[in-house]
Amino acid sequence: MSTETTTSAPLATIASLSAHEGQTITLRGWLYNLRASGKLLFPIFRDGTGTIQGIVPKAAVSEEVFETLKNLTLESSLTVTGKVRADSRAPSGFELDVESIEVLQRVPEDTPFPISLKEHGVDFLMEHRHLWLRTPRQSAILRVRATIMRAASEYFDTNGFIRTDPPILTPNACEGTSELFEMDYFDDDKAYLTQSGQLYIEATALALGKVYSFGPTFRAEKSKTRRHLTEFWMIEPEVAFLELDGLLNLAEAFITHIVTRVLESHRADLKVIGKDIAKLEAVITPDGFPRLSYDEAHAMLEKAFAEGKLEAPHKCGDDFGSPDETYISSQFDKPVMIHRYPAAFKAFYMQPDPLDPTKALCVDVLAPEGYGEIIGGSQRIHDYDLLKSRIEQHDLPLAAFQWYLDLRKYGSVPHAGFGMGIERAVAWICGLDHVRETIPFARTLNRIYP
């Protein structure tokens, strides 16, 4: 249905309207909402880059344009032409004085768009995730996610790292099968979906010096917490000749770069999402991230429990639980780096601290505001005999690790790396309650549809 479409008006996006103030432009998008007040219509259009309110006085347009818009159903697709007008009261800073529209597809009235502006339950929204994505808040989250992913790659690409992609299918359940997805491979062999590309990019780091991988990872962990997905994206750098202190510096610079890029491009989106931008601005101040040893963090928890700020005590030698991480991170307005955890509950490949071999040269980076671990990393064992003994101590199949041991046989050097889950970073930066909103289609313990 065409209603006086002005084809000569240049195409624009809602995100670019500041460059078209006072001009007549054409937008392609969808009707997000419609409000009527007598002889005035206030349609809200969306186009994937944002939303904008249109103003349609009955006297300013033809009868056909007014009636078409007045009776248009939500999420109908259309092309709209109008003049861009600055308005400080508008969320985007602009409104559109509508002149004409062309309806491309009208949503039937007997099957209206199921997601309205009223409150919906989480199960309903997740069942309709393919449509929930269209709402302004969800679209804004995905735009921020895209910038986080781009900035993450950008940091490494511009600092001498080479992207090397590890396999998604791995031949052995090297760290136990409890959290791995098993599948049938050829000739009755078994394969597993990767939990991490780390072991493989250690090999490419010793070939290329500084590398990173970026791809999907899978955890068959039967967890229902707000921090866990069964499928997520992880970026993992690995650097030859790097030790723990250098790794901490790398993680700090990496996170700072990502937050800086988000603030440069997405202040409007963060406002739509409801994130307090001042909390992100605090992250990029020049005084650096706080760094605590495991023992210092434990002492902080002991003090908090004694003062009645924690319900349960933390036992020295144990890993930190979610309440522990939440308390520690709440004491800082920046990510906090906790290093040198007890080696007893850390992975077999972590280098022991030469000053205290009961500790591992590792780090967890906890996001502020109670979002928990967003980065985990370590210096890797580079001594052949020590790594071999650790593999045996952990009852892992030595034959499966022969290629990994070879890296310590032929020109071994100290090296280190970390992994950052994109979805946890998105949850923290956007201030989301659950990671299910951080990815277009979440895969959780109880959800694999749509």
Protein backbone atom coordinates (compact mmCIF):
# COMPACT_ATOMS: atom_id res chain seq x y z
CA MET A 1 0.00 0.00 0.00
CA SER A 2 1.52 3.31 -1.05
CA THR A 3 0.44 6.63 0.41
CA GLU A 4 2.23 9.51 -1.22
CA THR A 5 5.78 8.17 -0.79
CA THR A 6 8.43 10.76 -1.56
CA THR A 7 11.01 8.72 -3.43
CA SER A 8 13.41 11.65 -3.87
CA ALA A 9 14.06 11.96 -0.14
CA PRO A 10 17.43 10.37 0.81
CA LEU A 11 17.41 7.15 2.82
CA ALA A 12 18.61 7.54 6.40
CA THR A 13 18.71 5.56 9.62
CA ILE A 14 17.40 6.67 12.98
CA ALA A 15 20.94 6.58 14.38
CA SER A 16 22.07 9.05 11.69
CA LEU A 17 19.31 11.64 12.07
CA SER A 18 21.57 14.20 13.75
CA ALA A 19 23.19 14.66 10.35
CA HIS A 20 19.82 15.39 8.72
CA GLU A 21 18.26 18.02 11.00
CA GLY A 22 15.77 20.10 9.05
CA GLN A 23 15.90 17.74 6.06
CA THR A 24 13.23 15.50 4.59
CA ILE A 25 14.41 11.89 4.71
CA THR A 26 13.05 8.38 4.25
CA LEU A 27 13.27 5.63 6.89
CA ARG A 28 12.68 1.91 6.42
CA GLY A 29 11.46 0.10 9.49
CA TRP A 30 8.54 -1.03 11.60
CA LEU A 31 5.78 0.50 13.70
CA TYR A 32 6.80 -0.09 17.32
CA ASN A 33 3.97 1.77 19.04
CA LEU A 34 1.13 4.15 18.27
CA ARG A 35 -0.64 6.71 20.43
CA ALA A 36 -3.53 8.90 19.29
CA SER A 37 -4.78 12.15 20.81
CA GLY A 38 -7.69 13.60 18.91
CA LYS A 39 -6.43 14.86 15.57
CA LEU A 40 -2.81 14.02 16.44
CA LEU A 41 -1.04 10.69 15.97
CA PHE A 42 2.22 9.81 17.68
CA PRO A 43 3.66 6.72 15.97
CA ILE A 44 6.98 5.36 17.16
CA PHE A 45 9.13 3.83 14.46
CA ARG A 46 12.11 1.51 14.84
CA ASP A 47 14.66 0.51 12.22
CA GLY A 48 17.24 -1.58 14.06
CA THR A 49 19.47 1.40 14.87
CA GLY A 50 17.05 3.01 17.31
CA THR A 51 13.54 4.41 17.72
CA ILE A 52 12.01 7.78 16.90
CA GLN A 53 8.61 9.32 17.50
CA GLY A 54 6.68 10.66 14.57
CA ILE A 55 4.23 13.57 14.74
CA VAL A 56 1.20 13.39 12.46
CA PRO A 57 -1.33 16.27 12.70
CA LYS A 58 -4.44 15.41 10.71
CA ALA A 59 -4.37 18.79 8.99
CA ALA A 60 -0.78 18.36 7.82
CA VAL A 61 -1.17 15.13 5.82
CA SER A 62 -3.67 13.62 3.44
CA GLU A 63 -6.70 11.75 4.75
CA GLU A 64 -5.22 8.54 3.38
CA VAL A 65 -1.93 8.91 5.26
CA PHE A 66 -3.69 9.79 8.52
CA GLU A 67 -6.19 6.92 8.36
CA THR A 68 -3.57 4.40 7.25
CA LEU A 69 -1.36 5.23 10.22
CA LYS A 70 -4.25 5.49 12.64
CA ASN A 71 -5.32 1.94 11.82
CA LEU A 72 -1.88 0.40 11.37
CA THR A 73 -1.04 -2.63 13.51
CA LEU A 74 2.11 -2.92 15.61
CA GLU A 75 5.22 -4.35 13.93
CA SER A 76 3.84 -3.70 10.45
CA SER A 77 6.76 -2.99 8.14
CA LEU A 78 6.82 0.33 6.32
CA THR A 79 8.72 3.11 4.64
CA VAL A 80 8.09 6.55 6.10
CA THR A 81 9.11 9.95 4.76
CA GLY A 82 9.24 13.08 6.87
CA LYS A 83 11.23 16.07 8.07
CA VAL A 84 13.72 15.66 10.91
CA ARG A 85 13.12 18.16 13.70
CA ALA A 86 15.28 18.64 16.80
CA ASP A 87 13.38 18.30 20.08
CA SER A 88 15.26 18.21 23.37
CA ARG A 89 12.31 16.49 25.05
CA ALA A 90 12.53 13.47 22.74
CA PRO A 91 14.66 10.53 23.96
CA SER A 92 16.71 10.60 20.77
CA GLY A 93 16.79 14.40 20.58
CA PHE A 94 14.76 14.37 17.38
CA GLU A 95 11.25 13.79 16.11
CA LEU A 96 9.93 13.15 12.63
CA ASP A 97 7.20 15.27 11.05
CA VAL A 98 5.61 12.56 8.93
CA GLU A 99 4.68 13.42 5.35
CA SER A 100 3.93 10.05 3.76
CA ILE A 101 4.18 6.31 4.34
CA GLU A 102 4.28 3.09 2.37
CA VAL A 103 3.10 -0.04 4.16
CA LEU A 104 5.13 -3.05 3.09
CA GLN A 105 3.38 -5.68 5.19
CA ARG A 106 0.49 -5.13 7.57
CA VAL A 107 0.30 -7.43 10.58
CA PRO A 108 -3.21 -8.99 10.54
CA GLU A 109 -5.50 -7.78 13.32
CA ASP A 110 -6.59 -11.32 14.14
CA THR A 111 -2.97 -12.34 14.89
CA PRO A 112 -1.50 -9.27 16.60
CA PHE A 113 2.14 -9.02 17.59
CA PRO A 114 2.29 -11.07 20.82
CA ILE A 115 4.70 -8.86 22.78
CA SER A 116 2.94 -5.70 23.91
CA LEU A 117 4.09 -2.92 26.22
CA LYS A 118 2.49 -4.67 29.20
CA GLU A 119 4.56 -6.84 31.52
CA HIS A 120 5.27 -10.38 30.33
CA GLY A 121 6.75 -13.29 32.25
CA VAL A 122 10.29 -14.46 31.54
CA ASP A 123 9.14 -17.85 30.22
CA PHE A 124 6.78 -16.15 27.76
CA LEU A 125 9.48 -13.77 26.58
CA MET A 126 12.05 -16.53 26.15
CA GLU A 127 9.52 -18.66 24.26
CA HIS A 128 9.10 -15.67 21.93
CA ARG A 129 12.76 -14.69 21.93
CA HIS A 130 12.73 -14.35 18.12
CA LEU A 131 10.23 -11.50 18.55
CA TRP A 132 11.38 -10.15 21.94
CA LEU A 133 14.62 -9.15 20.22
CA ARG A 134 12.72 -6.37 18.45
CA THR A 135 11.99 -4.39 21.60
CA PRO A 136 14.17 -1.30 22.16
CA ARG A 137 15.93 -2.62 25.25
CA GLN A 138 16.80 -6.00 23.74
CA SER A 139 17.96 -4.39 20.50
CA ALA A 140 20.14 -1.98 22.47
CA ILE A 141 21.74 -4.89 24.37
CA LEU A 142 22.63 -6.61 21.11
CA ARG A 143 24.14 -3.44 19.69
CA VAL A 144 26.32 -3.09 22.81
CA ARG A 145 27.24 -6.77 22.56
CA ALA A 146 28.39 -6.28 18.97
CA THR A 147 30.64 -3.40 20.00
CA ILE A 148 32.08 -5.40 22.91
CA MET A 149 32.96 -8.22 20.51
CA ARG A 150 34.39 -5.83 17.94
CA ALA A 151 36.41 -3.96 20.57
CA ALA A 152 37.73 -7.22 22.01
CA SER A 153 39.08 -8.31 18.62
CA GLU A 154 40.26 -4.77 17.85
CA TYR A 155 42.41 -4.63 20.97
CA PHE A 156 44.34 -7.74 20.04
CA ASP A 157 44.41 -7.05 16.29
CA THR A 158 46.01 -3.65 16.89
CA ASN A 159 48.49 -4.87 19.49
CA GLY A 160 50.36 -7.48 17.49
CA PHE A 161 48.22 -10.54 18.22
CA ILE A 162 47.39 -13.10 15.51
CA ARG A 163 43.96 -14.71 15.59
CA THR A 164 44.24 -18.49 15.45
CA ASP A 165 41.10 -20.60 15.67
CA PRO A 166 41.21 -23.81 17.74
CA PRO A 167 38.95 -26.76 16.95
CA ILE A 168 35.41 -26.87 18.27
CA LEU A 169 35.46 -30.68 18.21
CA THR A 170 38.05 -32.18 20.54
CA PRO A 171 39.10 -35.84 20.74
CA ASN A 172 39.43 -36.22 24.49
CA ALA A 173 37.60 -35.19 27.60
CA CYS A 174 40.88 -34.06 29.08
CA GLU A 175 39.55 -32.35 32.19
CA GLY A 176 36.74 -34.79 32.95
CA THR A 177 33.45 -35.46 31.20
CA SER A 178 31.02 -33.92 33.69
CA GLU A 179 30.84 -30.59 31.89
CA LEU A 180 31.43 -31.72 28.31
CA PHE A 181 28.91 -32.41 25.55
CA GLU A 182 29.72 -35.78 24.00
CA MET A 183 28.86 -36.69 20.42
CA ASP A 184 29.41 -39.64 18.10
CA TYR A 185 32.24 -39.22 15.63
CA PHE A 186 33.27 -41.46 12.73
CA ASP A 187 34.12 -45.17 13.20
CA ASP A 188 32.53 -45.28 16.65
CA ASP A 189 34.90 -42.64 18.01
CA LYS A 190 33.70 -40.05 20.48
CA ALA A 191 34.18 -36.30 20.17
CA TYR A 192 33.44 -33.48 22.56
CA LEU A 193 32.34 -29.88 22.09
CA THR A 194 35.12 -27.61 23.28
CA GLN A 195 35.10 -25.99 26.71
CA SER A 196 38.04 -23.77 25.80
CA GLY A 197 40.57 -23.25 23.06
CA GLN A 198 43.38 -22.63 25.53
CA LEU A 199 45.45 -25.78 25.11
CA TYR A 200 45.44 -25.41 21.35
CA ILE A 201 46.35 -21.74 21.29
CA GLU A 202 49.28 -22.46 23.57
CA ALA A 203 50.62 -24.32 20.55
CA THR A 204 50.00 -21.41 18.20
CA ALA A 205 51.49 -18.95 20.71
CA LEU A 206 54.76 -20.90 20.61
CA ALA A 207 54.61 -20.64 16.83
CA LEU A 208 53.56 -17.00 16.48
CA GLY A 209 54.37 -15.30 19.79
CA LYS A 210 51.11 -13.49 20.58
CA VAL A 211 47.79 -15.07 19.55
CA TYR A 212 44.14 -15.12 20.45
CA SER A 213 41.09 -17.20 19.65
CA PHE A 214 37.47 -16.10 19.55
CA GLY A 215 34.60 -18.51 19.20
CA PRO A 216 31.77 -20.50 20.75
CA THR A 217 32.39 -22.74 23.74
CA PHE A 218 30.16 -25.26 25.46
CA ARG A 219 29.68 -26.30 29.08
CA ALA A 220 27.37 -29.15 30.04
CA GLU A 221 27.18 -27.81 33.56
CA LYS A 222 23.75 -28.36 35.09
CA SER A 223 23.58 -24.89 36.55
CA LYS A 224 20.56 -22.62 36.78
CA THR A 225 22.32 -19.51 38.03
CA ARG A 226 22.01 -16.11 36.37
CA ARG A 227 25.66 -16.32 35.29
CA HIS A 228 25.62 -19.57 33.30
CA LEU A 229 24.82 -20.59 29.74
CA THR A 230 25.54 -23.93 28.09
CA GLU A 231 26.73 -22.18 24.90
CA PHE A 232 28.62 -18.92 24.98
CA TRP A 233 31.40 -16.98 23.24
CA MET A 234 34.89 -16.69 24.65
CA ILE A 235 37.94 -14.71 23.64
CA GLU A 236 41.29 -16.11 24.76
CA PRO A 237 44.72 -14.51 24.30
CA GLU A 238 47.93 -16.46 24.83
CA VAL A 239 51.41 -14.91 24.89
CA ALA A 240 54.87 -16.49 24.80
CA PHE A 241 57.43 -15.07 27.24
CA LEU A 242 54.66 -13.57 29.40
CA GLU A 243 54.47 -14.06 33.16
CA LEU A 244 51.73 -13.34 35.68
CA ASP A 245 52.39 -9.64 36.28
CA GLY A 246 52.34 -8.99 32.54
CA LEU A 247 49.12 -10.97 32.24
CA LEU A 248 47.43 -8.73 34.84
CA ASN A 249 48.52 -5.66 32.89
CA LEU A 250 47.17 -7.17 29.68
CA ALA A 251 43.76 -7.96 31.21
CA GLU A 252 43.45 -4.45 32.66
CA ALA A 253 44.30 -2.74 29.38
CA PHE A 254 41.95 -5.08 27.49
CA ILE A 255 38.93 -4.41 29.72
CA THR A 256 39.62 -0.67 29.76
CA HIS A 257 39.67 -0.61 25.95
CA ILE A 258 36.33 -2.40 25.71
CA VAL A 259 34.58 -0.12 28.20
CA THR A 260 36.02 2.94 26.45
CA ARG A 261 34.63 1.82 23.10
CA VAL A 262 31.19 1.15 24.57
CA LEU A 263 31.07 4.60 26.16
CA GLU A 264 32.14 6.20 22.87
CA SER A 265 29.33 4.60 20.88
CA HIS A 266 26.46 3.57 23.13
CA ARG A 267 25.52 6.18 25.72
CA ALA A 268 22.00 6.36 24.26
CA ASP A 269 21.67 2.56 24.22
CA LEU A 270 22.93 2.29 27.81
CA LYS A 271 20.29 4.82 28.82
CA VAL A 272 17.59 2.71 27.13
CA ILE A 273 18.90 -0.39 28.92
CA GLY A 274 18.94 1.46 32.25
CA LYS A 275 22.66 1.28 32.99
CA ASP A 276 24.23 3.91 35.23
CA ILE A 277 26.89 5.29 32.88
CA ALA A 278 28.85 6.84 35.76
CA LYS A 279 29.70 3.33 36.96
CA LEU A 280 31.35 2.56 33.63
CA GLU A 281 33.14 5.90 33.55
CA ALA A 282 34.73 4.99 36.89
CA VAL A 283 36.34 1.95 35.25
CA ILE A 284 38.47 3.93 32.79
CA THR A 285 40.15 6.35 35.22
CA PRO A 286 43.97 6.14 35.04
CA ASP A 287 44.72 4.80 38.53
CA GLY A 288 44.30 1.16 37.48
CA PHE A 289 42.42 -1.84 38.85
CA PRO A 290 42.79 -2.99 42.47
CA ARG A 291 44.86 -6.16 42.87
CA LEU A 292 44.50 -8.53 45.81
CA SER A 293 46.18 -11.81 46.58
CA TYR A 294 43.92 -14.71 47.49
CA ASP A 295 45.09 -14.38 51.10
CA GLU A 296 44.23 -10.66 51.17
CA ALA A 297 40.78 -11.40 49.72
CA HIS A 298 40.24 -14.13 52.33
CA ALA A 299 41.18 -11.70 55.10
CA MET A 300 38.64 -9.21 53.71
CA LEU A 301 35.94 -11.90 53.88
CA GLU A 302 36.91 -12.88 57.42
CA LYS A 303 36.55 -9.27 58.53
CA ALA A 304 33.21 -8.91 56.75
CA PHE A 305 31.86 -12.06 58.45
CA ALA A 306 33.03 -10.83 61.86
CA GLU A 307 31.19 -7.56 61.25
CA GLY A 308 27.99 -9.37 60.25
CA LYS A 309 28.24 -8.39 56.57
CA LEU A 310 28.36 -11.98 55.34
CA GLU A 311 26.05 -14.81 56.39
CA ALA A 312 28.65 -17.55 56.16
CA PRO A 313 32.40 -17.59 56.81
CA HIS A 314 34.89 -18.31 54.06
CA LYS A 315 37.24 -21.21 54.74
CA CYS A 316 40.83 -20.44 53.83
CA GLY A 317 41.94 -22.83 51.10
CA ASP A 318 38.50 -23.03 49.46
CA ASP A 319 37.47 -21.32 46.27
CA PHE A 320 35.29 -18.23 46.54
CA GLY A 321 31.56 -18.76 46.21
CA SER A 322 29.16 -16.35 44.58
CA PRO A 323 28.38 -14.46 47.84
CA ASP A 324 32.12 -14.11 48.47
CA GLU A 325 32.81 -12.72 44.99
CA THR A 326 29.81 -10.42 45.25
CA TYR A 327 31.05 -8.96 48.54
CA ILE A 328 34.63 -8.50 47.37
CA SER A 329 33.61 -6.80 44.13
CA SER A 330 31.13 -4.57 45.97
CA GLN A 331 34.04 -2.94 47.79
CA PHE A 332 35.43 -1.48 44.58
CA ASP A 333 34.08 0.61 41.71
CA LYS A 334 36.38 -1.13 39.22
CA PRO A 335 37.09 -4.73 38.31
CA VAL A 336 39.22 -6.30 41.03
CA MET A 337 42.01 -8.76 40.24
CA ILE A 338 42.51 -11.64 42.67
CA HIS A 339 45.72 -13.57 42.09
CA ARG A 340 47.60 -16.54 43.48
CA TYR A 341 44.78 -18.89 44.44
CA PRO A 342 45.57 -22.22 46.12
CA ALA A 343 46.82 -24.62 43.47
CA ALA A 344 44.78 -27.46 44.99
CA PHE A 345 41.53 -26.43 43.31
CA LYS A 346 42.97 -24.88 40.17
CA ALA A 347 43.66 -26.49 36.80
CA PHE A 348 46.59 -28.87 36.37
CA TYR A 349 48.42 -26.66 33.85
CA MET A 350 48.87 -23.59 36.11
CA GLN A 351 52.43 -22.63 37.08
CA PRO A 352 53.09 -22.80 40.84
CA ASP A 353 54.33 -19.69 42.58
CA PRO A 354 58.08 -20.15 43.16
CA LEU A 355 57.76 -18.30 46.48
CA ASP A 356 54.94 -20.58 47.67
CA PRO A 357 54.32 -23.69 45.53
CA THR A 358 50.95 -24.24 47.22
CA LYS A 359 49.72 -21.21 45.27
CA ALA A 360 49.18 -21.00 41.51
CA LEU A 361 50.28 -18.04 39.38
CA CYS A 362 46.73 -17.31 38.31
CA VAL A 363 44.18 -14.50 38.32
CA ASP A 364 40.43 -14.07 38.35
CA VAL A 365 39.04 -10.68 37.43
CA LEU A 366 35.78 -9.91 39.24
CA ALA A 367 33.48 -7.31 37.73
CA PRO A 368 32.06 -4.67 40.06
CA GLU A 369 28.40 -4.52 41.12
CA GLY A 370 28.31 -8.22 42.01
CA TYR A 371 28.75 -9.66 38.51
CA GLY A 372 31.45 -12.12 39.51
CA GLU A 373 34.27 -13.51 37.42
CA ILE A 374 34.58 -12.18 33.89
CA ILE A 375 38.19 -13.22 33.25
CA GLY A 376 40.14 -16.24 34.41
CA GLY A 377 43.76 -16.81 33.47
CA SER A 378 47.17 -17.99 34.53
CA GLN A 379 50.80 -18.46 33.75
CA ARG A 380 51.14 -21.98 32.35
CA ILE A 381 53.54 -24.67 33.49
CA HIS A 382 56.45 -24.67 31.05
CA ASP A 383 58.53 -27.47 32.57
CA TYR A 384 58.01 -30.88 30.94
CA ASP A 385 58.51 -33.05 34.04
CA LEU A 386 56.32 -30.87 36.26
CA LEU A 387 53.48 -30.82 33.73
CA LYS A 388 53.73 -34.58 33.22
CA SER A 389 53.51 -35.17 36.98
CA ARG A 390 50.49 -32.85 37.25
CA ILE A 391 48.67 -34.72 34.48
CA GLU A 392 49.30 -37.99 36.32
CA GLN A 393 48.24 -36.49 39.68
CA HIS A 394 44.92 -35.45 38.14
CA ASP A 395 44.36 -38.98 36.73
CA LEU A 396 44.19 -37.64 33.19
CA PRO A 397 45.04 -39.84 30.19
CA LEU A 398 48.72 -39.19 29.49
CA ALA A 399 48.49 -40.34 25.87
CA ALA A 400 45.83 -37.72 25.15
CA PHE A 401 48.23 -35.02 26.33
CA GLN A 402 51.33 -36.12 24.50
CA TRP A 403 50.99 -33.34 21.95
CA TYR A 404 50.56 -30.82 24.79
CA LEU A 405 53.67 -32.16 26.52
CA ASP A 406 55.57 -31.78 23.24
CA LEU A 407 55.20 -28.01 23.63
CA ARG A 408 57.40 -28.32 26.74
CA LYS A 409 59.90 -30.57 24.95
CA TYR A 410 60.74 -28.38 21.98
CA GLY A 411 61.74 -24.86 22.97
CA SER A 412 59.54 -24.34 26.00
CA VAL A 413 59.24 -20.82 27.45
CA PRO A 414 57.15 -19.17 30.17
CA HIS A 415 53.80 -18.22 28.71
CA ALA A 416 50.42 -17.06 29.96
CA GLY A 417 46.88 -16.31 28.87
CA PHE A 418 43.31 -15.77 29.96
CA GLY A 419 39.74 -16.27 28.80
CA MET A 420 36.85 -13.81 28.91
CA GLY A 421 33.27 -14.92 28.39
CA ILE A 422 31.53 -12.32 26.24
CA GLU A 423 28.13 -12.86 27.81
CA ARG A 424 29.31 -12.15 31.36
CA ALA A 425 31.04 -9.02 30.12
CA VAL A 426 27.83 -7.91 28.38
CA ALA A 427 25.80 -8.60 31.54
CA TRP A 428 28.13 -6.45 33.62
CA ILE A 429 28.55 -3.59 31.15
CA CYS A 430 24.79 -3.41 30.47
CA GLY A 431 23.77 -4.06 34.09
CA LEU A 432 21.59 -7.07 33.31
CA ASP A 433 20.07 -9.42 35.86
CA HIS A 434 20.66 -12.58 33.81
CA VAL A 435 22.99 -13.68 31.02
CA ARG A 436 20.04 -15.00 29.00
CA GLU A 437 19.54 -11.44 27.69
CA THR A 438 23.15 -11.09 26.55
CA ILE A 439 22.99 -13.43 23.54
CA PRO A 440 20.43 -13.51 20.72
CA PHE A 441 19.25 -17.04 21.51
CA ALA A 442 20.22 -18.35 24.94
CA ARG A 443 20.96 -22.01 25.51
CA THR A 444 20.42 -23.00 29.13
CA LEU A 445 19.78 -26.15 31.10
CA ASN A 446 16.06 -25.99 30.30
CA ARG A 447 15.97 -24.13 27.02
CA ILE A 448 16.95 -24.98 23.47
CA TYR A 449 13.91 -23.41 21.71
CA PRO A 450 13.63 -21.26 19.67
